[in-house]
Amino acid sequence: MVKLKDIATIQTGVFLKSAPLPDTCYLQVNDFDEEGNIRPTVRPTTTVSSKAARHLLTESNLLLAAKGGKNFCAIAPTQLGPCVASPSFLIIRINDLTRILPEYLCGFLNIPATRQLLTAQAKGSAIASLSKTDIGELEIPFLPLGQQQTCIALVRLQHREQALYKAIAERRRQLIDYKLKKAYKNEW
């Protein structure tokens, strides 16, 4: 096991105002669904000055929702173009990407046991918040890269399975709705 602070730099997101000619996505917790997936409706809303450029996210950065009850982790969605994280997030920047894979660390931070631990560590009376210090003390299983890749593959399979169950449930709902419509019209 290794402490998160020993393998990564942890910083808070930055507060930026909306801009009339935006070119940067300002990521907030509500831009993600319950599983930590970016919503397709996210668009640029701000610009980043040269002074704030150090807050731009890279593809290996992790976003940990640190405020409120949804403590999910997501890999920075750089496919959207330039992005910065709001203060609702802690940004985790892995120091050595040859030793810890971002997707592995993200998966570990999202497993129910870790999320429960993070929720229990959150402090605050109005809005519970995770502190950088507490997150830095979190112990991470330090596995060889091959085992990290196996964990990543399992998480991907789990997500695929959940998507299939969701699709099946939607198709069942449509089928039942169709049958009920026919039944109410007495068109059996």
C-alpha atoms as a PDB file:
ATOM      1  CA  MET A   1       0.000   0.000   0.000  1.00  0.00           C
ATOM      2  CA  VAL A   2       1.109   3.543  -0.683  1.00  0.00           C
ATOM      3  CA  LYS A   3      -0.388   6.858   0.408  1.00  0.00           C
ATOM      4  CA  LEU A   4      -1.956   8.899  -2.347  1.00  0.00           C
ATOM      5  CA  LYS A   5       0.154  11.939  -1.447  1.00  0.00           C
ATOM      6  CA  ASP A   6       3.289   9.859  -2.160  1.00  0.00           C
ATOM      7  CA  ILE A   7       2.264   9.054  -5.748  1.00  0.00           C
ATOM      8  CA  ALA A   8       0.325  12.154  -6.770  1.00  0.00           C
ATOM      9  CA  THR A   9      -0.069  15.886  -6.349  1.00  0.00           C
ATOM     10  CA  ILE A  10      -3.494  16.938  -5.094  1.00  0.00           C
ATOM     11  CA  GLN A  11      -4.856  20.411  -5.729  1.00  0.00           C
ATOM     12  CA  THR A  12      -8.237  22.075  -5.600  1.00  0.00           C
ATOM     13  CA  GLY A  13     -10.131  23.314  -8.613  1.00  0.00           C
ATOM     14  CA  VAL A  14     -10.245  26.988  -9.457  1.00  0.00           C
ATOM     15  CA  PHE A  15     -13.072  29.530  -9.492  1.00  0.00           C
ATOM     16  CA  LEU A  16     -13.542  31.155 -12.912  1.00  0.00           C
ATOM     17  CA  LYS A  17     -16.330  33.360 -14.205  1.00  0.00           C
ATOM     18  CA  SER A  18     -18.247  32.835 -17.431  1.00  0.00           C
ATOM     19  CA  ALA A  19     -16.839  34.576 -20.482  1.00  0.00           C
ATOM     20  CA  PRO A  20     -18.625  36.122 -23.495  1.00  0.00           C
ATOM     21  CA  LEU A  21     -16.377  34.229 -25.970  1.00  0.00           C
ATOM     22  CA  PRO A  22     -15.671  30.971 -24.138  1.00  0.00           C
ATOM     23  CA  ASP A  23     -13.049  28.480 -25.279  1.00  0.00           C
ATOM     24  CA  THR A  24     -12.634  26.352 -22.140  1.00  0.00           C
ATOM     25  CA  CYS A  25     -14.991  23.943 -20.359  1.00  0.00           C
ATOM     26  CA  TYR A  26     -15.470  24.811 -16.691  1.00  0.00           C
ATOM     27  CA  LEU A  27     -16.297  21.422 -15.165  1.00  0.00           C
ATOM     28  CA  GLN A  28     -18.719  21.193 -12.273  1.00  0.00           C
ATOM     29  CA  VAL A  29     -20.138  18.162 -10.454  1.00  0.00           C
ATOM     30  CA  ASN A  30     -23.494  18.449 -12.251  1.00  0.00           C
ATOM     31  CA  ASP A  31     -21.662  18.045 -15.594  1.00  0.00           C
ATOM     32  CA  PHE A  32     -21.272  14.351 -14.700  1.00  0.00           C
ATOM     33  CA  ASP A  33     -23.865  11.599 -14.258  1.00  0.00           C
ATOM     34  CA  GLU A  34     -24.150   9.337 -11.211  1.00  0.00           C
ATOM     35  CA  GLU A  35     -21.382   7.062 -12.514  1.00  0.00           C
ATOM     36  CA  GLY A  36     -18.959   9.930 -13.150  1.00  0.00           C
ATOM     37  CA  ASN A  37     -19.453  10.025 -16.932  1.00  0.00           C
ATOM     38  CA  ILE A  38     -19.343  13.446 -18.574  1.00  0.00           C
ATOM     39  CA  ARG A  39     -22.706  14.592 -19.899  1.00  0.00           C
ATOM     40  CA  PRO A  40     -22.849  15.240 -23.664  1.00  0.00           C
ATOM     41  CA  THR A  41     -24.285  18.722 -23.064  1.00  0.00           C
ATOM     42  CA  VAL A  42     -21.064  20.186 -21.616  1.00  0.00           C
ATOM     43  CA  ARG A  43     -19.840  23.182 -23.603  1.00  0.00           C
ATOM     44  CA  PRO A  44     -17.140  25.816 -23.088  1.00  0.00           C
ATOM     45  CA  THR A  45     -18.273  28.560 -20.706  1.00  0.00           C
ATOM     46  CA  THR A  46     -15.071  30.382 -19.754  1.00  0.00           C
ATOM     47  CA  THR A  47     -11.607  31.419 -20.898  1.00  0.00           C
ATOM     48  CA  VAL A  48      -8.321  30.829 -19.122  1.00  0.00           C
ATOM     49  CA  SER A  49      -5.794  33.612 -18.718  1.00  0.00           C
ATOM     50  CA  SER A  50      -2.087  32.868 -18.972  1.00  0.00           C
ATOM     51  CA  LYS A  51      -1.929  33.218 -15.177  1.00  0.00           C
ATOM     52  CA  ALA A  52      -4.579  30.498 -14.725  1.00  0.00           C
ATOM     53  CA  ALA A  53      -3.193  28.211 -17.467  1.00  0.00           C
ATOM     54  CA  ARG A  54      -1.599  25.979 -14.820  1.00  0.00           C
ATOM     55  CA  HIS A  55      -5.130  24.864 -13.923  1.00  0.00           C
ATOM     56  CA  LEU A  56      -5.768  23.352 -17.379  1.00  0.00           C
ATOM     57  CA  LEU A  57      -6.404  19.629 -17.106  1.00  0.00           C
ATOM     58  CA  THR A  58      -4.453  16.967 -18.952  1.00  0.00           C
ATOM     59  CA  GLU A  59      -5.646  13.532 -20.080  1.00  0.00           C
ATOM     60  CA  SER A  60      -4.018  11.799 -17.106  1.00  0.00           C
ATOM     61  CA  ASN A  61      -5.565  14.041 -14.437  1.00  0.00           C
ATOM     62  CA  LEU A  62      -8.271  12.671 -12.171  1.00  0.00           C
ATOM     63  CA  LEU A  63     -11.190  14.677 -10.860  1.00  0.00           C
ATOM     64  CA  LEU A  64     -12.489  13.694  -7.439  1.00  0.00           C
ATOM     65  CA  ALA A  65     -15.830  15.265  -6.514  1.00  0.00           C
ATOM     66  CA  ALA A  66     -14.947  16.574  -3.073  1.00  0.00           C
ATOM     67  CA  LYS A  67     -18.081  18.469  -2.055  1.00  0.00           C
ATOM     68  CA  GLY A  68     -21.495  17.033  -1.338  1.00  0.00           C
ATOM     69  CA  GLY A  69     -22.523  13.395  -1.174  1.00  0.00           C
ATOM     70  CA  LYS A  70     -21.352  12.274  -4.617  1.00  0.00           C
ATOM     71  CA  ASN A  71     -17.657  11.476  -4.180  1.00  0.00           C
ATOM     72  CA  PHE A  72     -17.054   9.956  -7.607  1.00  0.00           C
ATOM     73  CA  CYS A  73     -13.800  10.066  -9.500  1.00  0.00           C
ATOM     74  CA  ALA A  74     -13.443  10.668 -13.249  1.00  0.00           C
ATOM     75  CA  ILE A  75     -10.574  10.984 -15.674  1.00  0.00           C
ATOM     76  CA  ALA A  76     -10.384  14.531 -17.024  1.00  0.00           C
ATOM     77  CA  PRO A  77     -12.505  14.678 -20.216  1.00  0.00           C
ATOM     78  CA  THR A  78      -9.875  16.390 -22.382  1.00  0.00           C
ATOM     79  CA  GLN A  79     -11.663  15.166 -25.534  1.00  0.00           C
ATOM     80  CA  LEU A  80     -13.860  18.249 -25.016  1.00  0.00           C
ATOM     81  CA  GLY A  81     -10.887  20.548 -25.563  1.00  0.00           C
ATOM     82  CA  PRO A  82      -9.350  22.747 -22.868  1.00  0.00           C
ATOM     83  CA  CYS A  83     -10.920  22.090 -19.446  1.00  0.00           C
ATOM     84  CA  VAL A  84     -10.557  23.376 -15.906  1.00  0.00           C
ATOM     85  CA  ALA A  85     -12.173  22.010 -12.767  1.00  0.00           C
ATOM     86  CA  SER A  86     -14.320  24.042 -10.382  1.00  0.00           C
ATOM     87  CA  PRO A  87     -13.529  24.170  -6.638  1.00  0.00           C
ATOM     88  CA  SER A  88     -15.999  21.292  -6.146  1.00  0.00           C
ATOM     89  CA  PHE A  89     -13.243  18.972  -7.346  1.00  0.00           C
ATOM     90  CA  LEU A  90      -9.882  17.857  -6.095  1.00  0.00           C
ATOM     91  CA  ILE A  91      -7.508  17.356  -9.009  1.00  0.00           C
ATOM     92  CA  ILE A  92      -5.183  14.380  -8.691  1.00  0.00           C
ATOM     93  CA  ARG A  93      -2.059  14.553 -10.856  1.00  0.00           C
ATOM     94  CA  ILE A  94      -0.122  11.278 -10.812  1.00  0.00           C
ATOM     95  CA  ASN A  95       3.614  11.873 -10.422  1.00  0.00           C
ATOM     96  CA  ASP A  96       4.875   8.835 -12.342  1.00  0.00           C
ATOM     97  CA  LEU A  97       2.548   7.454 -15.015  1.00  0.00           C
ATOM     98  CA  THR A  98       4.890   4.501 -15.563  1.00  0.00           C
ATOM     99  CA  ARG A  99       4.074   3.219 -12.053  1.00  0.00           C
ATOM    100  CA  ILE A 100       0.386   4.083 -11.544  1.00  0.00           C
ATOM    101  CA  LEU A 101      -2.163   4.116 -14.360  1.00  0.00           C
ATOM    102  CA  PRO A 102      -4.809   6.867 -14.106  1.00  0.00           C
ATOM    103  CA  GLU A 103      -7.651   4.502 -15.006  1.00  0.00           C
ATOM    104  CA  TYR A 104      -6.524   2.090 -12.264  1.00  0.00           C
ATOM    105  CA  LEU A 105      -6.464   4.813  -9.621  1.00  0.00           C
ATOM    106  CA  CYS A 106      -9.817   6.146 -10.831  1.00  0.00           C
ATOM    107  CA  GLY A 107     -11.334   2.657 -10.594  1.00  0.00           C
ATOM    108  CA  PHE A 108      -9.986   2.202  -7.067  1.00  0.00           C
ATOM    109  CA  LEU A 109     -11.412   5.559  -5.960  1.00  0.00           C
ATOM    110  CA  ASN A 110     -14.820   4.562  -7.388  1.00  0.00           C
ATOM    111  CA  ILE A 111     -15.244   1.137  -5.763  1.00  0.00           C
ATOM    112  CA  PRO A 112     -18.006   1.186  -3.119  1.00  0.00           C
ATOM    113  CA  ALA A 113     -15.648   0.509  -0.192  1.00  0.00           C
ATOM    114  CA  THR A 114     -13.427   3.474  -1.093  1.00  0.00           C
ATOM    115  CA  ARG A 115     -16.414   5.759  -1.728  1.00  0.00           C
ATOM    116  CA  GLN A 116     -17.884   4.832   1.663  1.00  0.00           C
ATOM    117  CA  LEU A 117     -14.551   5.593   3.313  1.00  0.00           C
ATOM    118  CA  LEU A 118     -14.375   8.969   1.557  1.00  0.00           C
ATOM    119  CA  THR A 119     -17.968   9.800   2.538  1.00  0.00           C
ATOM    120  CA  ALA A 120     -17.153   8.959   6.160  1.00  0.00           C
ATOM    121  CA  GLN A 121     -14.097  11.279   6.044  1.00  0.00           C
ATOM    122  CA  ALA A 122     -16.051  14.242   4.650  1.00  0.00           C
ATOM    123  CA  LYS A 123     -16.429  17.123   7.074  1.00  0.00           C
ATOM    124  CA  GLY A 124     -18.780  20.071   7.250  1.00  0.00           C
ATOM    125  CA  SER A 125     -22.216  20.873   8.579  1.00  0.00           C
ATOM    126  CA  ALA A 126     -23.923  22.385   5.520  1.00  0.00           C
ATOM    127  CA  ILE A 127     -21.992  20.737   2.691  1.00  0.00           C
ATOM    128  CA  ALA A 128     -19.704  17.822   3.490  1.00  0.00           C
ATOM    129  CA  SER A 129     -16.267  18.273   1.925  1.00  0.00           C
ATOM    130  CA  LEU A 130     -13.196  16.112   1.536  1.00  0.00           C
ATOM    131  CA  SER A 131      -9.912  17.720   2.507  1.00  0.00           C
ATOM    132  CA  LYS A 132      -6.702  17.470   0.504  1.00  0.00           C
ATOM    133  CA  THR A 133      -4.936  16.262   3.646  1.00  0.00           C
ATOM    134  CA  ASP A 134      -7.392  13.409   4.265  1.00  0.00           C
ATOM    135  CA  ILE A 135      -7.303  12.346   0.610  1.00  0.00           C
ATOM    136  CA  GLY A 136      -3.513  12.451   0.662  1.00  0.00           C
ATOM    137  CA  GLU A 137      -3.486   9.953   3.536  1.00  0.00           C
ATOM    138  CA  LEU A 138      -5.678   7.475   1.637  1.00  0.00           C
ATOM    139  CA  GLU A 139      -3.843   4.190   1.124  1.00  0.00           C
ATOM    140  CA  ILE A 140      -3.781   2.878  -2.450  1.00  0.00           C
ATOM    141  CA  PRO A 141      -2.904  -0.729  -3.352  1.00  0.00           C
ATOM    142  CA  PHE A 142       0.354  -0.474  -5.279  1.00  0.00           C
ATOM    143  CA  LEU A 143       0.117  -3.295  -7.825  1.00  0.00           C
ATOM    144  CA  PRO A 144       2.375  -4.211 -10.768  1.00  0.00           C
ATOM    145  CA  LEU A 145       1.230  -2.677 -14.065  1.00  0.00           C
ATOM    146  CA  GLY A 146      -0.105  -6.018 -15.343  1.00  0.00           C
ATOM    147  CA  GLN A 147      -2.410  -6.354 -12.341  1.00  0.00           C
ATOM    148  CA  GLN A 148      -3.458  -2.701 -12.689  1.00  0.00           C
ATOM    149  CA  GLN A 149      -4.435  -3.426 -16.308  1.00  0.00           C
ATOM    150  CA  THR A 150      -6.439  -6.469 -15.151  1.00  0.00           C
ATOM    151  CA  CYS A 151      -8.326  -4.269 -12.671  1.00  0.00           C
ATOM    152  CA  ILE A 152      -8.985  -1.758 -15.463  1.00  0.00           C
ATOM    153  CA  ALA A 153     -10.344  -4.522 -17.707  1.00  0.00           C
ATOM    154  CA  LEU A 154     -12.675  -5.720 -14.927  1.00  0.00           C
ATOM    155  CA  VAL A 155     -13.993  -2.199 -14.348  1.00  0.00           C
ATOM    156  CA  ARG A 156     -14.616  -1.799 -18.097  1.00  0.00           C
ATOM    157  CA  LEU A 157     -16.496  -5.116 -18.167  1.00  0.00           C
ATOM    158  CA  GLN A 158     -18.564  -4.017 -15.183  1.00  0.00           C
ATOM    159  CA  HIS A 159     -19.475  -0.751 -16.922  1.00  0.00           C
ATOM    160  CA  ARG A 160     -20.409  -2.627 -20.090  1.00  0.00           C
ATOM    161  CA  GLU A 161     -22.565  -5.038 -18.084  1.00  0.00           C
ATOM    162  CA  GLN A 162     -24.330  -2.133 -16.354  1.00  0.00           C
ATOM    163  CA  ALA A 163     -24.992  -0.472 -19.730  1.00  0.00           C
ATOM    164  CA  LEU A 164     -26.453  -3.720 -21.088  1.00  0.00           C
ATOM    165  CA  TYR A 165     -28.714  -4.162 -18.037  1.00  0.00           C
ATOM    166  CA  LYS A 166     -29.885  -0.583 -18.455  1.00  0.00           C
ATOM    167  CA  ALA A 167     -30.621  -1.155 -22.157  1.00  0.00           C
ATOM    168  CA  ILE A 168     -32.495  -4.392 -21.386  1.00  0.00           C
ATOM    169  CA  ALA A 169     -34.572  -2.638 -18.737  1.00  0.00           C
ATOM    170  CA  GLU A 170     -35.466   0.125 -21.193  1.00  0.00           C
ATOM    171  CA  ARG A 171     -36.494  -2.390 -23.877  1.00  0.00           C
ATOM    172  CA  ARG A 172     -38.655  -4.271 -21.322  1.00  0.00           C
ATOM    173  CA  ARG A 173     -40.315  -1.004 -20.336  1.00  0.00           C
ATOM    174  CA  GLN A 174     -41.054  -0.237 -23.996  1.00  0.00           C
ATOM    175  CA  LEU A 175     -42.478  -3.728 -24.553  1.00  0.00           C
ATOM    176  CA  ILE A 176     -44.715  -3.528 -21.485  1.00  0.00           C
ATOM    177  CA  ASP A 177     -45.872  -0.024 -22.466  1.00  0.00           C
ATOM    178  CA  TYR A 178     -46.757  -1.350 -25.925  1.00  0.00           C
ATOM    179  CA  LYS A 179     -48.688  -4.306 -24.470  1.00  0.00           C
ATOM    180  CA  LEU A 180     -50.530  -2.060 -22.010  1.00  0.00           C
ATOM    181  CA  LYS A 181     -51.477   0.319 -24.795  1.00  0.00           C
ATOM    182  CA  LYS A 182     -52.891  -2.606 -26.782  1.00  0.00           C
ATOM    183  CA  ALA A 183     -54.698  -3.966 -23.723  1.00  0.00           C
ATOM    184  CA  TYR A 184     -56.347  -0.636 -22.921  1.00  0.00           C
ATOM    185  CA  LYS A 185     -57.547  -0.402 -26.507  1.00  0.00           C
ATOM    186  CA  ASN A 186     -58.812  -3.984 -26.290  1.00  0.00           C
ATOM    187  CA  GLU A 187     -56.611  -4.978 -29.235  1.00  0.00           C
ATOM    188  CA  TRP A 188     -55.225  -8.205 -27.794  1.00  0.00           C
END
